[in-house]
């Protein structure tokens, strides 16, 4: 644990947790770069030269409503701002990062709460649930998913857990500084505060890895139409038929 956790001496001379070792940031970065490059090489080697991909022409169906696209991009921006302002001091960048960081954190918190409410009461929450039968999907090309395939569901739940960890630990740490809404409380013992820094740091590293992976797959040529649908809201009926089971997901026609 000595290479993962930083320690310090408190006022009583006892060793307490200071936070995560930020050397891990470079380890995570290099690991993600190597894994994604390896994936790109394997996919290029396996790709069929004359593979006919579904076309985006023709009739269109709705994949994402405008409000859901707005949630996605606002959350994406707030997460990227949080990551940048969180690691900027580690990289030696001199910016006034603290206020930008916690304001972005509060915006993300509000967006996540609003999204959870919408997903629970106005969307098909079950369409994002990971079921035991879903785990066979990546190994059986004959299995077509409903609205979301296995990897999308897995990424969604991984991001959900990590973002919630970032938010909870971030809010607890925010209570320890002055904001326009309250004055700092100094109520958290030093050892507990160090634990919050550690958990916040570890969840930040996980968020960096997930964000990089998500961006990579969003830009993959065979998946770029999903990214287009998160911008425009639609996908073609040809793309729907090639990638989804209409018995599990039958979207309405786009205007």
C-alpha atoms as a PDB file:
ATOM      1  CA  UNK A   1       0.000   0.000   0.000  1.00  0.00           C
ATOM      2  CA  UNK A   2       2.984   2.296   0.412  1.00  0.00           C
ATOM      3  CA  UNK A   3       3.131   2.915  -3.351  1.00  0.00           C
ATOM      4  CA  UNK A   4      -0.568   3.712  -3.581  1.00  0.00           C
ATOM      5  CA  UNK A   5      -1.185   5.737  -0.433  1.00  0.00           C
ATOM      6  CA  UNK A   6       0.622   8.814   0.864  1.00  0.00           C
ATOM      7  CA  UNK A   7       0.925   9.281   4.628  1.00  0.00           C
ATOM      8  CA  UNK A   8       1.781  12.124   6.986  1.00  0.00           C
ATOM      9  CA  UNK A   9       2.114  12.780  10.710  1.00  0.00           C
ATOM     10  CA  UNK A  10      -0.797  14.534  12.414  1.00  0.00           C
ATOM     11  CA  UNK A  11      -0.456  17.029  15.275  1.00  0.00           C
ATOM     12  CA  UNK A  12      -0.177  14.103  17.723  1.00  0.00           C
ATOM     13  CA  UNK A  13       2.665  12.560  15.766  1.00  0.00           C
ATOM     14  CA  UNK A  14       0.544   9.663  14.563  1.00  0.00           C
ATOM     15  CA  UNK A  15       0.729   8.465  10.975  1.00  0.00           C
ATOM     16  CA  UNK A  16      -2.482   9.205   9.049  1.00  0.00           C
ATOM     17  CA  UNK A  17      -3.509   8.947   5.406  1.00  0.00           C
ATOM     18  CA  UNK A  18      -2.764  12.034   3.311  1.00  0.00           C
ATOM     19  CA  UNK A  19      -4.224  10.800   0.034  1.00  0.00           C
ATOM     20  CA  UNK A  20      -3.484   8.762  -3.052  1.00  0.00           C
ATOM     21  CA  UNK A  21      -0.018   8.658  -4.575  1.00  0.00           C
ATOM     22  CA  UNK A  22      -0.318  10.672  -7.766  1.00  0.00           C
ATOM     23  CA  UNK A  23       2.448   8.622  -9.368  1.00  0.00           C
ATOM     24  CA  UNK A  24      -0.465   6.324 -10.191  1.00  0.00           C
ATOM     25  CA  UNK A  25      -1.767   8.938 -12.636  1.00  0.00           C
ATOM     26  CA  UNK A  26       1.120   8.230 -14.996  1.00  0.00           C
ATOM     27  CA  UNK A  27       0.705   4.469 -14.503  1.00  0.00           C
ATOM     28  CA  UNK A  28      -3.004   4.688 -15.374  1.00  0.00           C
ATOM     29  CA  UNK A  29      -2.283   6.914 -18.366  1.00  0.00           C
ATOM     30  CA  UNK A  30       0.344   4.564 -19.816  1.00  0.00           C
ATOM     31  CA  UNK A  31      -1.804   1.482 -19.153  1.00  0.00           C
ATOM     32  CA  UNK A  32      -4.793   3.004 -20.960  1.00  0.00           C
ATOM     33  CA  UNK A  33      -2.656   4.144 -23.912  1.00  0.00           C
ATOM     34  CA  UNK A  34      -1.103   0.673 -24.291  1.00  0.00           C
ATOM     35  CA  UNK A  35      -4.442  -1.163 -23.978  1.00  0.00           C
ATOM     36  CA  UNK A  36      -6.256   1.088 -26.444  1.00  0.00           C
ATOM     37  CA  UNK A  37      -3.446   0.915 -28.988  1.00  0.00           C
ATOM     38  CA  UNK A  38      -3.418  -2.876 -28.635  1.00  0.00           C
ATOM     39  CA  UNK A  39      -7.192  -2.959 -29.141  1.00  0.00           C
ATOM     40  CA  UNK A  40      -6.933  -0.775 -32.247  1.00  0.00           C
ATOM     41  CA  UNK A  41      -4.242  -3.045 -33.717  1.00  0.00           C
ATOM     42  CA  UNK A  42      -6.261  -6.204 -33.039  1.00  0.00           C
ATOM     43  CA  UNK A  43      -9.425  -4.680 -34.506  1.00  0.00           C
ATOM     44  CA  UNK A  44      -7.513  -3.567 -37.609  1.00  0.00           C
ATOM     45  CA  UNK A  45      -6.089  -7.075 -38.040  1.00  0.00           C
ATOM     46  CA  UNK A  46      -9.512  -8.705 -37.668  1.00  0.00           C
ATOM     47  CA  UNK A  47     -11.341  -6.229 -39.875  1.00  0.00           C
ATOM     48  CA  UNK A  48     -12.710  -7.576 -43.127  1.00  0.00           C
ATOM     49  CA  UNK A  49     -11.548  -5.523 -46.074  1.00  0.00           C
ATOM     50  CA  UNK A  50     -14.882  -5.555 -47.873  1.00  0.00           C
ATOM     51  CA  UNK A  51     -17.086  -5.284 -44.831  1.00  0.00           C
ATOM     52  CA  UNK A  52     -20.326  -3.535 -45.704  1.00  0.00           C
ATOM     53  CA  UNK A  53     -21.342  -1.328 -42.825  1.00  0.00           C
ATOM     54  CA  UNK A  54     -24.960  -0.226 -42.477  1.00  0.00           C
ATOM     55  CA  UNK A  55     -25.678   3.090 -44.110  1.00  0.00           C
ATOM     56  CA  UNK A  56     -26.992   6.201 -42.409  1.00  0.00           C
ATOM     57  CA  UNK A  57     -29.208   6.960 -45.382  1.00  0.00           C
ATOM     58  CA  UNK A  58     -32.943   6.345 -45.591  1.00  0.00           C
ATOM     59  CA  UNK A  59     -35.593   6.422 -42.901  1.00  0.00           C
ATOM     60  CA  UNK A  60     -34.530   7.433 -39.431  1.00  0.00           C
ATOM     61  CA  UNK A  61     -35.573   6.419 -35.919  1.00  0.00           C
ATOM     62  CA  UNK A  62     -35.132   8.226 -32.607  1.00  0.00           C
ATOM     63  CA  UNK A  63     -32.360   6.919 -30.361  1.00  0.00           C
ATOM     64  CA  UNK A  64     -31.937   9.809 -27.917  1.00  0.00           C
ATOM     65  CA  UNK A  65     -34.388  12.552 -27.012  1.00  0.00           C
ATOM     66  CA  UNK A  66     -33.041  16.108 -26.942  1.00  0.00           C
ATOM     67  CA  UNK A  67     -33.202  16.337 -23.132  1.00  0.00           C
ATOM     68  CA  UNK A  68     -31.150  13.150 -22.776  1.00  0.00           C
ATOM     69  CA  UNK A  69     -28.556  14.442 -25.226  1.00  0.00           C
ATOM     70  CA  UNK A  70     -28.358  17.660 -23.230  1.00  0.00           C
ATOM     71  CA  UNK A  71     -27.836  15.678 -20.004  1.00  0.00           C
ATOM     72  CA  UNK A  72     -25.101  13.613 -21.645  1.00  0.00           C
ATOM     73  CA  UNK A  73     -23.084  16.526 -23.001  1.00  0.00           C
ATOM     74  CA  UNK A  74     -23.469  18.699 -19.898  1.00  0.00           C
ATOM     75  CA  UNK A  75     -22.320  15.804 -17.711  1.00  0.00           C
ATOM     76  CA  UNK A  76     -19.456  15.106 -20.123  1.00  0.00           C
ATOM     77  CA  UNK A  77     -18.265  18.718 -19.978  1.00  0.00           C
ATOM     78  CA  UNK A  78     -18.515  18.878 -16.182  1.00  0.00           C
ATOM     79  CA  UNK A  79     -16.603  15.579 -15.819  1.00  0.00           C
ATOM     80  CA  UNK A  80     -13.839  16.733 -18.168  1.00  0.00           C
ATOM     81  CA  UNK A  81     -13.566  20.045 -16.294  1.00  0.00           C
ATOM     82  CA  UNK A  82     -13.387  18.161 -12.991  1.00  0.00           C
ATOM     83  CA  UNK A  83     -10.670  15.874 -14.321  1.00  0.00           C
ATOM     84  CA  UNK A  84      -8.633  18.756 -15.758  1.00  0.00           C
ATOM     85  CA  UNK A  85      -8.881  20.965 -12.671  1.00  0.00           C
ATOM     86  CA  UNK A  86      -8.235  17.969 -10.413  1.00  0.00           C
ATOM     87  CA  UNK A  87      -5.019  16.881 -12.104  1.00  0.00           C
ATOM     88  CA  UNK A  88      -3.762  20.328 -13.197  1.00  0.00           C
ATOM     89  CA  UNK A  89      -1.879  20.978  -9.917  1.00  0.00           C
ATOM     90  CA  UNK A  90      -0.356  17.489 -10.132  1.00  0.00           C
ATOM     91  CA  UNK A  91       0.940  18.281 -13.611  1.00  0.00           C
ATOM     92  CA  UNK A  92       2.379  21.565 -12.341  1.00  0.00           C
ATOM     93  CA  UNK A  93      -0.119  23.823 -14.126  1.00  0.00           C
ATOM     94  CA  UNK A  94      -0.649  27.079 -12.251  1.00  0.00           C
ATOM     95  CA  UNK A  95      -4.356  27.876 -12.519  1.00  0.00           C
ATOM     96  CA  UNK A  96      -6.982  29.044 -10.045  1.00  0.00           C
ATOM     97  CA  UNK A  97      -8.513  25.581 -10.068  1.00  0.00           C
ATOM     98  CA  UNK A  98     -10.287  25.143  -6.721  1.00  0.00           C
ATOM     99  CA  UNK A  99     -13.420  27.251  -7.321  1.00  0.00           C
ATOM    100  CA  UNK A 100     -13.827  25.921 -10.863  1.00  0.00           C
ATOM    101  CA  UNK A 101     -13.432  22.388  -9.502  1.00  0.00           C
ATOM    102  CA  UNK A 102     -16.090  22.511  -6.798  1.00  0.00           C
ATOM    103  CA  UNK A 103     -18.542  24.498  -8.928  1.00  0.00           C
ATOM    104  CA  UNK A 104     -18.225  21.868 -11.676  1.00  0.00           C
ATOM    105  CA  UNK A 105     -18.721  19.215  -9.007  1.00  0.00           C
ATOM    106  CA  UNK A 106     -21.968  20.796  -7.826  1.00  0.00           C
ATOM    107  CA  UNK A 107     -23.199  21.099 -11.419  1.00  0.00           C
ATOM    108  CA  UNK A 108     -22.405  17.414 -11.996  1.00  0.00           C
ATOM    109  CA  UNK A 109     -24.191  16.487  -8.754  1.00  0.00           C
ATOM    110  CA  UNK A 110     -27.335  18.337  -9.844  1.00  0.00           C
ATOM    111  CA  UNK A 111     -27.221  16.771 -13.317  1.00  0.00           C
ATOM    112  CA  UNK A 112     -26.761  13.248 -11.923  1.00  0.00           C
ATOM    113  CA  UNK A 113     -29.684  13.644  -9.516  1.00  0.00           C
ATOM    114  CA  UNK A 114     -31.889  15.013 -12.313  1.00  0.00           C
ATOM    115  CA  UNK A 115     -30.816  12.201 -14.632  1.00  0.00           C
ATOM    116  CA  UNK A 116     -31.563   9.518 -12.026  1.00  0.00           C
ATOM    117  CA  UNK A 117     -35.050  10.959 -11.502  1.00  0.00           C
ATOM    118  CA  UNK A 118     -35.714  11.090 -15.257  1.00  0.00           C
ATOM    119  CA  UNK A 119     -34.328   7.601 -15.862  1.00  0.00           C
ATOM    120  CA  UNK A 120     -36.450   6.165 -13.044  1.00  0.00           C
ATOM    121  CA  UNK A 121     -39.796   7.767 -13.880  1.00  0.00           C
ATOM    122  CA  UNK A 122     -39.728   8.805 -17.552  1.00  0.00           C
ATOM    123  CA  UNK A 123     -37.409   6.346 -19.285  1.00  0.00           C
ATOM    124  CA  UNK A 124     -37.204   2.589 -19.676  1.00  0.00           C
ATOM    125  CA  UNK A 125     -34.862   1.972 -16.745  1.00  0.00           C
ATOM    126  CA  UNK A 126     -34.870  -1.780 -17.416  1.00  0.00           C
ATOM    127  CA  UNK A 127     -33.219  -1.259 -20.806  1.00  0.00           C
ATOM    128  CA  UNK A 128     -29.960  -0.391 -19.025  1.00  0.00           C
ATOM    129  CA  UNK A 129     -30.048  -3.279 -16.544  1.00  0.00           C
ATOM    130  CA  UNK A 130     -27.338  -5.922 -16.875  1.00  0.00           C
ATOM    131  CA  UNK A 131     -28.915  -9.374 -16.813  1.00  0.00           C
ATOM    132  CA  UNK A 132     -27.061 -12.737 -16.618  1.00  0.00           C
ATOM    133  CA  UNK A 133     -28.033 -13.534 -20.226  1.00  0.00           C
ATOM    134  CA  UNK A 134     -26.349 -10.311 -21.392  1.00  0.00           C
ATOM    135  CA  UNK A 135     -22.903 -11.691 -20.528  1.00  0.00           C
ATOM    136  CA  UNK A 136     -23.124 -14.169 -23.415  1.00  0.00           C
ATOM    137  CA  UNK A 137     -23.768 -11.394 -25.936  1.00  0.00           C
ATOM    138  CA  UNK A 138     -20.117 -10.486 -26.717  1.00  0.00           C
ATOM    139  CA  UNK A 139     -19.354 -14.160 -27.508  1.00  0.00           C
ATOM    140  CA  UNK A 140     -22.373 -14.850 -29.725  1.00  0.00           C
ATOM    141  CA  UNK A 141     -22.697 -12.722 -32.863  1.00  0.00           C
ATOM    142  CA  UNK A 142     -26.249 -13.992 -33.420  1.00  0.00           C
ATOM    143  CA  UNK A 143     -27.416 -12.246 -30.249  1.00  0.00           C
ATOM    144  CA  UNK A 144     -28.561  -8.711 -30.965  1.00  0.00           C
ATOM    145  CA  UNK A 145     -29.316  -6.389 -28.041  1.00  0.00           C
ATOM    146  CA  UNK A 146     -32.202  -4.110 -27.302  1.00  0.00           C
ATOM    147  CA  UNK A 147     -31.452  -0.399 -27.111  1.00  0.00           C
ATOM    148  CA  UNK A 148     -28.075  -0.888 -25.391  1.00  0.00           C
ATOM    149  CA  UNK A 149     -25.572  -3.671 -25.913  1.00  0.00           C
ATOM    150  CA  UNK A 150     -23.494  -5.349 -23.214  1.00  0.00           C
ATOM    151  CA  UNK A 151     -20.448  -3.056 -23.403  1.00  0.00           C
ATOM    152  CA  UNK A 152     -22.600   0.077 -23.265  1.00  0.00           C
ATOM    153  CA  UNK A 153     -24.405  -1.193 -20.174  1.00  0.00           C
ATOM    154  CA  UNK A 154     -21.119  -2.159 -18.534  1.00  0.00           C
ATOM    155  CA  UNK A 155     -19.590   1.251 -19.239  1.00  0.00           C
ATOM    156  CA  UNK A 156     -22.732   2.979 -17.944  1.00  0.00           C
ATOM    157  CA  UNK A 157     -22.675   1.147 -14.606  1.00  0.00           C
ATOM    158  CA  UNK A 158     -18.923   1.527 -14.181  1.00  0.00           C
ATOM    159  CA  UNK A 159     -19.212   5.279 -14.755  1.00  0.00           C
ATOM    160  CA  UNK A 160     -22.220   5.428 -12.425  1.00  0.00           C
ATOM    161  CA  UNK A 161     -20.342   3.821  -9.528  1.00  0.00           C
ATOM    162  CA  UNK A 162     -17.213   5.920 -10.061  1.00  0.00           C
ATOM    163  CA  UNK A 163     -19.076   9.219 -10.512  1.00  0.00           C
ATOM    164  CA  UNK A 164     -21.147   8.599  -7.389  1.00  0.00           C
ATOM    165  CA  UNK A 165     -17.923   7.903  -5.468  1.00  0.00           C
ATOM    166  CA  UNK A 166     -16.425  11.139  -6.818  1.00  0.00           C
ATOM    167  CA  UNK A 167     -19.546  13.097  -5.857  1.00  0.00           C
ATOM    168  CA  UNK A 168     -19.963  11.691  -2.336  1.00  0.00           C
ATOM    169  CA  UNK A 169     -16.308  12.096  -1.385  1.00  0.00           C
ATOM    170  CA  UNK A 170     -16.157  15.471  -3.127  1.00  0.00           C
ATOM    171  CA  UNK A 171     -19.161  16.836  -1.217  1.00  0.00           C
ATOM    172  CA  UNK A 172     -17.708  15.650   2.096  1.00  0.00           C
ATOM    173  CA  UNK A 173     -14.427  17.375   1.246  1.00  0.00           C
ATOM    174  CA  UNK A 174     -16.272  20.493   0.063  1.00  0.00           C
ATOM    175  CA  UNK A 175     -17.716  20.883   3.546  1.00  0.00           C
ATOM    176  CA  UNK A 176     -14.181  21.564   4.741  1.00  0.00           C
ATOM    177  CA  UNK A 177     -13.673  24.739   2.668  1.00  0.00           C
ATOM    178  CA  UNK A 178     -15.398  28.121   2.533  1.00  0.00           C
ATOM    179  CA  UNK A 179     -18.024  28.592  -0.168  1.00  0.00           C
ATOM    180  CA  UNK A 180     -20.753  31.214  -0.777  1.00  0.00           C
ATOM    181  CA  UNK A 181     -23.187  28.704   0.758  1.00  0.00           C
ATOM    182  CA  UNK A 182     -21.414  27.945   4.044  1.00  0.00           C
ATOM    183  CA  UNK A 183     -18.264  28.502   6.045  1.00  0.00           C
ATOM    184  CA  UNK A 184     -15.821  25.661   6.506  1.00  0.00           C
ATOM    185  CA  UNK A 185     -16.698  23.368   9.383  1.00  0.00           C
ATOM    186  CA  UNK A 186     -13.385  21.604  10.143  1.00  0.00           C
ATOM    187  CA  UNK A 187     -15.647  18.924  11.588  1.00  0.00           C
ATOM    188  CA  UNK A 188     -13.940  15.931   9.990  1.00  0.00           C
ATOM    189  CA  UNK A 189     -11.039  14.358  11.912  1.00  0.00           C
ATOM    190  CA  UNK A 190      -7.731  14.435  10.075  1.00  0.00           C
ATOM    191  CA  UNK A 191      -7.573  10.677   9.569  1.00  0.00           C
ATOM    192  CA  UNK A 192     -11.088  10.597   8.092  1.00  0.00           C
ATOM    193  CA  UNK A 193     -10.330  13.564   5.851  1.00  0.00           C
ATOM    194  CA  UNK A 194      -7.247  11.737   4.578  1.00  0.00           C
ATOM    195  CA  UNK A 195      -9.405   8.719   3.803  1.00  0.00           C
ATOM    196  CA  UNK A 196     -11.767  10.958   1.799  1.00  0.00           C
ATOM    197  CA  UNK A 197      -8.784  12.337  -0.148  1.00  0.00           C
ATOM    198  CA  UNK A 198      -7.654   8.772  -0.833  1.00  0.00           C
ATOM    199  CA  UNK A 199     -11.067   7.582  -2.050  1.00  0.00           C
ATOM    200  CA  UNK A 200     -11.577  10.762  -4.064  1.00  0.00           C
ATOM    201  CA  UNK A 201      -8.159  10.325  -5.668  1.00  0.00           C
ATOM    202  CA  UNK A 202      -8.721   6.661  -6.512  1.00  0.00           C
ATOM    203  CA  UNK A 203     -12.142   7.389  -8.015  1.00  0.00           C
ATOM    204  CA  UNK A 204     -10.580  10.243 -10.011  1.00  0.00           C
ATOM    205  CA  UNK A 205      -7.991   7.871 -11.465  1.00  0.00           C
ATOM    206  CA  UNK A 206     -10.772   5.425 -12.365  1.00  0.00           C
ATOM    207  CA  UNK A 207     -12.735   8.269 -13.966  1.00  0.00           C
ATOM    208  CA  UNK A 208      -9.709   9.249 -16.075  1.00  0.00           C
ATOM    209  CA  UNK A 209      -9.448   5.658 -17.340  1.00  0.00           C
ATOM    210  CA  UNK A 210     -13.181   5.388 -18.059  1.00  0.00           C
ATOM    211  CA  UNK A 211     -13.342   8.774 -19.809  1.00  0.00           C
ATOM    212  CA  UNK A 212     -10.402   7.899 -22.063  1.00  0.00           C
ATOM    213  CA  UNK A 213     -11.900   4.486 -22.880  1.00  0.00           C
ATOM    214  CA  UNK A 214     -15.330   5.980 -23.575  1.00  0.00           C
ATOM    215  CA  UNK A 215     -13.916   8.614 -25.930  1.00  0.00           C
ATOM    216  CA  UNK A 216     -11.865   5.983 -27.769  1.00  0.00           C
ATOM    217  CA  UNK A 217     -14.826   3.689 -28.399  1.00  0.00           C
ATOM    218  CA  UNK A 218     -17.077   6.638 -29.294  1.00  0.00           C
ATOM    219  CA  UNK A 219     -14.657   7.454 -32.112  1.00  0.00           C
ATOM    220  CA  UNK A 220     -14.253   3.900 -33.406  1.00  0.00           C
ATOM    221  CA  UNK A 221     -15.370   3.802 -37.104  1.00  0.00           C
ATOM    222  CA  UNK A 222     -17.836   0.956 -36.532  1.00  0.00           C
ATOM    223  CA  UNK A 223     -19.430   2.776 -33.568  1.00  0.00           C
ATOM    224  CA  UNK A 224     -19.310   6.374 -34.748  1.00  0.00           C
ATOM    225  CA  UNK A 225     -23.014   6.315 -35.656  1.00  0.00           C
ATOM    226  CA  UNK A 226     -23.805   5.987 -31.933  1.00  0.00           C
ATOM    227  CA  UNK A 227     -21.849   9.171 -31.306  1.00  0.00           C
ATOM    228  CA  UNK A 228     -23.715  10.835 -34.167  1.00  0.00           C
ATOM    229  CA  UNK A 229     -26.987   9.793 -32.546  1.00  0.00           C
ATOM    230  CA  UNK A 230     -25.888  11.466 -29.305  1.00  0.00           C
ATOM    231  CA  UNK A 231     -25.486  14.684 -31.308  1.00  0.00           C
ATOM    232  CA  UNK A 232     -28.409  14.478 -33.724  1.00  0.00           C
ATOM    233  CA  UNK A 233     -30.691  12.102 -31.821  1.00  0.00           C
ATOM    234  CA  UNK A 234     -31.305   9.665 -34.696  1.00  0.00           C
ATOM    235  CA  UNK A 235     -29.985   6.526 -36.304  1.00  0.00           C
ATOM    236  CA  UNK A 236     -31.060   4.977 -39.595  1.00  0.00           C
ATOM    237  CA  UNK A 237     -33.341   1.965 -39.905  1.00  0.00           C
ATOM    238  CA  UNK A 238     -30.453   0.163 -41.637  1.00  0.00           C
ATOM    239  CA  UNK A 239     -28.215   0.778 -38.595  1.00  0.00           C
ATOM    240  CA  UNK A 240     -31.036  -0.323 -36.314  1.00  0.00           C
ATOM    241  CA  UNK A 241     -31.590  -3.584 -38.210  1.00  0.00           C
ATOM    242  CA  UNK A 242     -27.859  -4.376 -38.341  1.00  0.00           C
ATOM    243  CA  UNK A 243     -27.149  -3.793 -34.651  1.00  0.00           C
ATOM    244  CA  UNK A 244     -30.368  -4.249 -32.653  1.00  0.00           C
ATOM    245  CA  UNK A 245     -33.195  -6.704 -32.165  1.00  0.00           C
ATOM    246  CA  UNK A 246     -36.513  -4.994 -33.046  1.00  0.00           C
ATOM    247  CA  UNK A 247     -38.290  -7.432 -30.734  1.00  0.00           C
ATOM    248  CA  UNK A 248     -36.358  -5.929 -27.821  1.00  0.00           C
ATOM    249  CA  UNK A 249     -36.335  -2.295 -28.946  1.00  0.00           C
ATOM    250  CA  UNK A 250     -38.691  -0.637 -31.433  1.00  0.00           C
ATOM    251  CA  UNK A 251     -38.023   3.123 -31.475  1.00  0.00           C
ATOM    252  CA  UNK A 252     -40.352   5.630 -33.025  1.00  0.00           C
ATOM    253  CA  UNK A 253     -39.652   7.203 -36.389  1.00  0.00           C
ATOM    254  CA  UNK A 254     -37.681  10.437 -36.318  1.00  0.00           C
ATOM    255  CA  UNK A 255     -39.246  13.634 -37.645  1.00  0.00           C
END
